[in-house]
Amino acid sequence: MTQDAAQGAQKPAEAGPPPRPRRGRGRRPAAEVRADVLDAAGGLLLDAGMGSFTIEAVAERAGVSKTTLYKWWPSKGALALDGYFHAVESALAFPDTGDLRADLTAQLRAFVRILTRTPAGRVIAELIGQAQTDPELSAALLERYSGPRRDLAVRRMRAAQAEGRLRPDVDPEVVVDQLWGACYHRLLLPNLPVDEDFADSLVANLWRGIGI
């Protein structure tokens, strides 16, 4: 054997990165596994959008089996929606400073920043579009995202009405449509920009009719 051959024989073969270990429900609490899946789903959505979002890709990124995902989510769309909300939830917190106009403005500004300064705007537009032909995603969108977000804003305004800081004849459901619906309109039909100036104008214009 030549010296080069001997050195080659002694040199260990190069190996690729080790496969990510599967982390099933039997190994860790289900809540931790679910959190990993939502992290993976949200990250994949914001990185690549719905076009590259698959159950297989999320399972690989999270280190879990596809069976685990199908136990908790009935469809790819439902998982994508939960991953999206998990990724943006902290940025959409609704403040309660006692000044409803300021709180509405702050929340609407935070919402338009997510829509325009992060990939989340593109993702929610894709989810809304897919929901038109995916009944399970449509139901999940109402139950897990738009419904809870609407209820949060409505409760905030009804509390302000009880405290005498919002006209009693104002319908909070309609106010939600006027404020957030206008932002979604510009997101999906982008004739004009949806930005923080737009958010300020929406609240200022509406407040003339609903404030006390």
Protein backbone atom coordinates (compact mmCIF):
# COMPACT_ATOMS: atom_id res chain seq x y z
CA MET A 1 0.00 0.00 0.00
CA THR A 2 1.37 3.44 -0.92
CA GLN A 3 1.70 6.21 1.65
CA ASP A 4 -1.10 8.17 -0.01
CA ALA A 5 -3.34 5.12 0.03
CA ALA A 6 -2.54 4.45 3.66
CA GLN A 7 -3.36 8.03 4.58
CA GLY A 8 -6.58 7.77 2.62
CA ALA A 9 -7.48 4.56 4.44
CA GLN A 10 -6.85 6.19 7.79
CA LYS A 11 -8.82 9.37 6.96
CA PRO A 12 -12.42 9.01 8.10
CA ALA A 13 -15.06 9.39 5.44
CA GLU A 14 -16.78 12.77 5.43
CA ALA A 15 -20.35 12.61 6.70
CA GLY A 16 -23.23 14.98 6.13
CA PRO A 17 -25.14 16.64 8.94
CA PRO A 18 -26.91 14.15 11.17
CA PRO A 19 -30.64 13.82 10.56
CA ARG A 20 -32.77 15.81 12.91
CA PRO A 21 -34.16 13.45 15.55
CA ARG A 22 -37.85 12.80 15.53
CA ARG A 23 -39.56 14.13 18.61
CA GLY A 24 -42.79 12.33 19.12
CA ARG A 25 -45.53 12.85 21.65
CA GLY A 26 -44.28 9.92 23.71
CA ARG A 27 -40.94 11.58 24.33
CA ARG A 28 -42.04 15.03 25.38
CA PRO A 29 -45.23 16.73 26.54
CA ALA A 30 -47.66 17.25 23.70
CA ALA A 31 -47.75 21.00 24.36
CA GLU A 32 -44.02 21.26 23.65
CA VAL A 33 -44.30 19.24 20.47
CA ARG A 34 -47.24 21.37 19.32
CA ALA A 35 -45.25 24.54 20.00
CA ASP A 36 -42.38 23.20 17.88
CA VAL A 37 -44.80 22.43 15.05
CA LEU A 38 -46.31 25.92 15.18
CA ASP A 39 -42.84 27.48 15.22
CA ALA A 40 -41.93 25.40 12.18
CA ALA A 41 -45.18 26.13 10.34
CA GLY A 42 -44.99 29.87 10.99
CA GLY A 43 -41.35 30.02 10.01
CA LEU A 44 -41.92 28.10 6.79
CA LEU A 45 -44.83 30.34 5.83
CA LEU A 46 -42.92 33.55 6.40
CA ASP A 47 -39.84 32.18 4.64
CA ALA A 48 -41.47 30.78 1.54
CA GLY A 49 -45.23 31.44 1.51
CA MET A 50 -48.06 29.00 0.80
CA GLY A 51 -46.50 27.83 -2.46
CA SER A 52 -43.84 25.84 -0.58
CA PHE A 53 -45.93 25.00 2.46
CA THR A 54 -46.59 21.26 2.85
CA ILE A 55 -47.32 18.88 5.69
CA GLU A 56 -44.09 17.05 4.83
CA ALA A 57 -42.01 20.22 5.00
CA VAL A 58 -43.43 21.21 8.38
CA ALA A 59 -42.91 17.70 9.76
CA GLU A 60 -39.29 17.74 8.59
CA ARG A 61 -38.60 21.19 10.03
CA ALA A 62 -40.28 20.36 13.36
CA GLY A 63 -38.75 16.88 13.64
CA VAL A 64 -42.09 15.11 14.03
CA SER A 65 -44.07 12.62 12.00
CA LYS A 66 -46.81 13.52 9.54
CA THR A 67 -49.14 11.33 11.61
CA THR A 68 -48.67 13.68 14.54
CA LEU A 69 -49.66 16.66 12.42
CA TYR A 70 -52.77 15.00 11.02
CA LYS A 71 -53.93 14.17 14.55
CA TRP A 72 -54.11 17.87 15.37
CA TRP A 73 -54.87 19.59 12.04
CA PRO A 74 -57.40 18.36 9.47
CA SER A 75 -55.69 20.00 6.50
CA LYS A 76 -52.61 21.83 5.31
CA GLY A 77 -54.56 25.07 5.31
CA ALA A 78 -55.64 24.72 8.94
CA LEU A 79 -52.04 24.09 10.00
CA ALA A 80 -50.84 27.04 7.93
CA LEU A 81 -53.37 29.32 9.58
CA ASP A 82 -52.38 28.27 13.10
CA GLY A 83 -48.72 28.69 12.18
CA TYR A 84 -49.41 32.17 10.83
CA PHE A 85 -51.27 33.31 13.93
CA HIS A 86 -48.59 31.82 16.18
CA ALA A 87 -46.00 33.88 14.30
CA VAL A 88 -47.84 37.22 14.53
CA GLU A 89 -49.90 36.93 17.72
CA SER A 90 -47.55 38.86 19.99
CA ALA A 91 -47.39 41.76 17.53
CA LEU A 92 -51.20 42.01 17.42
CA ALA A 93 -51.81 42.45 21.14
CA PHE A 94 -54.63 44.92 21.80
CA PRO A 95 -53.52 47.62 24.28
CA ASP A 96 -55.81 48.89 27.03
CA THR A 97 -54.55 52.24 28.26
CA GLY A 98 -57.95 53.70 29.03
CA ASP A 99 -57.84 55.83 25.88
CA LEU A 100 -59.85 53.92 23.28
CA ARG A 101 -58.94 56.16 20.36
CA ALA A 102 -55.22 55.81 21.11
CA ASP A 103 -55.59 52.05 21.58
CA LEU A 104 -57.46 51.61 18.29
CA THR A 105 -54.80 53.65 16.51
CA ALA A 106 -51.93 51.69 18.10
CA GLN A 107 -53.52 48.32 17.24
CA LEU A 108 -54.34 49.32 13.67
CA ARG A 109 -50.81 50.68 13.19
CA ALA A 110 -49.35 47.39 14.46
CA PHE A 111 -51.61 45.51 12.06
CA VAL A 112 -50.57 47.49 8.98
CA ARG A 113 -46.89 47.17 9.94
CA ILE A 114 -47.27 43.40 9.89
CA LEU A 115 -49.05 43.57 6.54
CA THR A 116 -46.47 45.80 4.88
CA ARG A 117 -43.13 45.32 6.62
CA THR A 118 -43.08 41.54 7.06
CA PRO A 119 -43.90 38.57 4.81
CA ALA A 120 -47.05 38.06 6.89
CA GLY A 121 -49.04 40.39 4.64
CA ARG A 122 -48.40 38.20 1.61
CA VAL A 123 -49.16 35.09 3.65
CA ILE A 124 -52.54 36.24 5.00
CA ALA A 125 -53.55 37.31 1.49
CA GLU A 126 -52.65 33.81 0.24
CA LEU A 127 -54.58 32.19 3.09
CA ILE A 128 -57.67 34.31 2.41
CA GLY A 129 -57.46 33.41 -1.27
CA GLN A 130 -57.08 29.69 -0.63
CA ALA A 131 -59.93 29.76 1.89
CA GLN A 132 -62.34 30.56 -0.93
CA THR A 133 -61.95 27.00 -2.26
CA ASP A 134 -60.86 25.16 0.91
CA PRO A 135 -63.85 24.71 3.26
CA GLU A 136 -61.69 23.44 6.14
CA LEU A 137 -59.36 26.42 5.88
CA SER A 138 -62.33 28.78 5.60
CA ALA A 139 -63.84 27.35 8.80
CA ALA A 140 -60.48 27.52 10.57
CA LEU A 141 -59.97 31.13 9.43
CA LEU A 142 -63.25 32.14 11.05
CA GLU A 143 -62.86 30.03 14.18
CA ARG A 144 -59.17 30.50 14.98
CA TYR A 145 -58.16 33.84 13.48
CA SER A 146 -60.73 36.38 12.31
CA GLY A 147 -63.36 35.38 14.87
CA PRO A 148 -61.12 35.73 17.95
CA ARG A 149 -59.53 38.92 16.58
CA ARG A 150 -62.98 40.43 15.98
CA ASP A 151 -64.22 39.39 19.43
CA LEU A 152 -61.18 41.02 21.07
CA ALA A 153 -61.88 44.37 19.41
CA VAL A 154 -65.63 44.17 20.04
CA ARG A 155 -65.15 43.43 23.74
CA ARG A 156 -62.74 46.35 24.01
CA MET A 157 -65.28 48.73 22.48
CA ARG A 158 -68.20 47.42 24.53
CA ALA A 159 -66.18 47.96 27.68
CA ALA A 160 -65.59 51.55 26.53
CA GLN A 161 -69.33 51.97 25.99
CA ALA A 162 -70.03 50.73 29.52
CA GLU A 163 -67.53 53.30 30.80
CA GLY A 164 -69.13 56.12 28.84
CA ARG A 165 -66.18 56.58 26.45
CA LEU A 166 -67.98 55.43 23.31
CA ARG A 167 -71.44 56.38 22.10
CA PRO A 168 -73.99 53.79 23.28
CA ASP A 169 -75.69 53.56 19.88
CA VAL A 170 -72.47 52.58 18.07
CA ASP A 171 -72.32 48.99 16.78
CA PRO A 172 -68.79 47.67 17.54
CA GLU A 173 -69.16 44.94 14.91
CA VAL A 174 -69.60 47.59 12.22
CA VAL A 175 -66.64 49.59 13.55
CA VAL A 176 -64.44 46.48 13.21
CA ASP A 177 -65.49 46.17 9.57
CA GLN A 178 -64.86 49.84 8.93
CA LEU A 179 -61.35 49.83 10.40
CA TRP A 180 -59.84 46.40 9.78
CA GLY A 181 -61.98 45.71 6.73
CA ALA A 182 -60.55 48.81 5.07
CA CYS A 183 -57.02 47.52 5.65
CA TYR A 184 -57.84 44.12 4.16
CA HIS A 185 -59.46 45.87 1.19
CA ARG A 186 -56.25 47.75 0.39
CA LEU A 187 -54.17 44.62 1.00
CA LEU A 188 -56.17 42.54 -1.47
CA LEU A 189 -56.95 45.33 -3.96
CA PRO A 190 -53.80 47.46 -3.75
CA ASN A 191 -54.86 50.54 -5.69
CA LEU A 192 -53.61 52.63 -2.76
CA PRO A 193 -51.08 51.79 -0.03
CA VAL A 194 -52.02 50.39 3.37
CA ASP A 195 -49.68 52.12 5.80
CA GLU A 196 -49.58 53.83 9.18
CA ASP A 197 -50.83 57.14 7.78
CA PHE A 198 -53.83 55.28 6.43
CA ALA A 199 -54.43 53.71 9.85
CA ASP A 200 -54.28 57.13 11.52
CA SER A 201 -56.73 58.57 8.99
CA LEU A 202 -59.16 55.69 9.41
CA VAL A 203 -59.40 56.14 13.16
CA ALA A 204 -59.48 59.95 12.96
CA ASN A 205 -62.28 59.98 10.38
CA LEU A 206 -64.33 57.35 12.19
CA TRP A 207 -63.87 58.85 15.64
CA ARG A 208 -65.79 61.97 14.62
CA GLY A 209 -68.89 59.80 14.46
CA ILE A 210 -68.39 57.36 17.33
CA GLY A 211 -66.45 59.17 20.03
CA ILE A 212 -67.76 61.12 22.98
